[in-house]
Amino acid sequence: METGIKKVKKGVVVSDAMDKTIVVAIDTLKTHSKYLKKYKSTKKYKVHDEENKFKKGDVVEFVECSPISKDKSHKVL
């Protein structure tokens, strides 16, 4: 039984070299607290891709799930 609302995230595939796993990067624009300068921050997620259908450069949506391996706890929608 799943509880709570799962957040859907959207990002670009930066690697598809692993079997059934893709690496998705999400870029966000943040503001420095003291200097108020904007800078780009990148967060990478390992996402489960059962059919290996997504390739480098694709835009994908993924959602959090129970841990699949040590690093993977997201799956593609």
Protein backbone atom coordinates (compact mmCIF):
# COMPACT_ATOMS: atom_id res chain seq x y z
CA MET A 1 0.00 0.00 0.00
CA GLU A 2 1.47 3.32 -1.13
CA THR A 3 0.87 6.37 1.03
CA GLY A 4 1.41 10.05 0.36
CA ILE A 5 1.71 12.04 -2.82
CA LYS A 6 4.66 11.20 -5.07
CA LYS A 7 6.34 14.17 -6.77
CA VAL A 8 6.73 13.87 -10.53
CA LYS A 9 10.09 15.21 -11.71
CA LYS A 10 11.16 16.05 -15.25
CA GLY A 11 14.70 15.99 -16.62
CA VAL A 12 17.05 15.16 -19.47
CA VAL A 13 18.75 11.78 -19.88
CA VAL A 14 22.53 12.27 -19.67
CA SER A 15 23.58 8.59 -19.68
CA ASP A 16 22.04 5.30 -20.81
CA ALA A 17 25.12 3.06 -20.55
CA MET A 18 23.80 0.82 -17.73
CA ASP A 19 21.29 -1.99 -18.15
CA LYS A 20 17.73 -0.97 -17.11
CA THR A 21 19.09 2.28 -15.62
CA ILE A 22 19.32 5.82 -16.97
CA VAL A 23 20.90 8.88 -15.37
CA VAL A 24 18.63 11.94 -15.48
CA ALA A 25 19.85 15.48 -14.75
CA ILE A 26 17.64 18.29 -13.48
CA ASP A 27 18.91 21.89 -13.79
CA THR A 28 17.59 24.53 -11.39
CA LEU A 29 18.34 28.23 -11.11
CA LYS A 30 19.20 29.26 -7.54
CA THR A 31 19.99 32.62 -5.95
CA HIS A 32 22.96 33.13 -3.63
CA SER A 33 21.77 34.26 -0.20
CA LYS A 34 24.39 36.98 0.37
CA TYR A 35 25.37 38.16 -3.11
CA LEU A 36 21.97 37.60 -4.79
CA LYS A 37 23.69 36.28 -7.90
CA LYS A 38 21.84 33.58 -9.82
CA TYR A 39 23.66 30.31 -10.54
CA LYS A 40 22.76 27.00 -12.13
CA SER A 41 22.69 23.85 -10.00
CA THR A 42 22.47 20.31 -11.41
CA LYS A 43 21.15 17.25 -9.58
CA LYS A 44 21.49 13.76 -11.07
CA TYR A 45 19.19 10.82 -10.37
CA LYS A 46 19.56 7.16 -11.30
CA VAL A 47 16.18 6.09 -12.67
CA HIS A 48 14.86 2.58 -13.39
CA ASP A 49 14.02 2.06 -17.09
CA GLU A 50 12.64 -1.49 -17.45
CA GLU A 51 12.58 -1.64 -21.29
CA ASN A 52 15.78 0.36 -22.01
CA LYS A 53 13.75 2.57 -24.36
CA PHE A 54 15.11 6.01 -23.38
CA LYS A 55 18.32 7.29 -24.97
CA LYS A 56 20.71 10.16 -24.24
CA GLY A 57 19.06 13.55 -24.79
CA ASP A 58 15.45 12.39 -24.20
CA VAL A 59 13.24 14.35 -21.80
CA VAL A 60 11.62 12.01 -19.26
CA GLU A 61 9.23 12.21 -16.32
CA PHE A 62 9.95 10.04 -13.29
CA VAL A 63 8.57 9.44 -9.83
CA GLU A 64 9.95 8.30 -6.47
CA CYS A 65 9.39 4.66 -5.48
CA SER A 66 10.70 2.13 -2.98
CA PRO A 67 14.45 1.41 -3.35
CA ILE A 68 15.28 -0.83 -6.31
CA SER A 69 19.04 -0.93 -5.62
CA LYS A 70 21.63 0.99 -3.59
CA ASP A 71 21.36 4.14 -5.73
CA LYS A 72 18.02 3.71 -7.53
CA SER A 73 14.77 4.82 -5.90
CA HIS A 74 13.00 6.39 -8.89
CA LYS A 75 11.21 4.91 -11.90
CA VAL A 76 10.18 6.27 -15.30
CA LEU A 77 6.51 7.07 -15.93
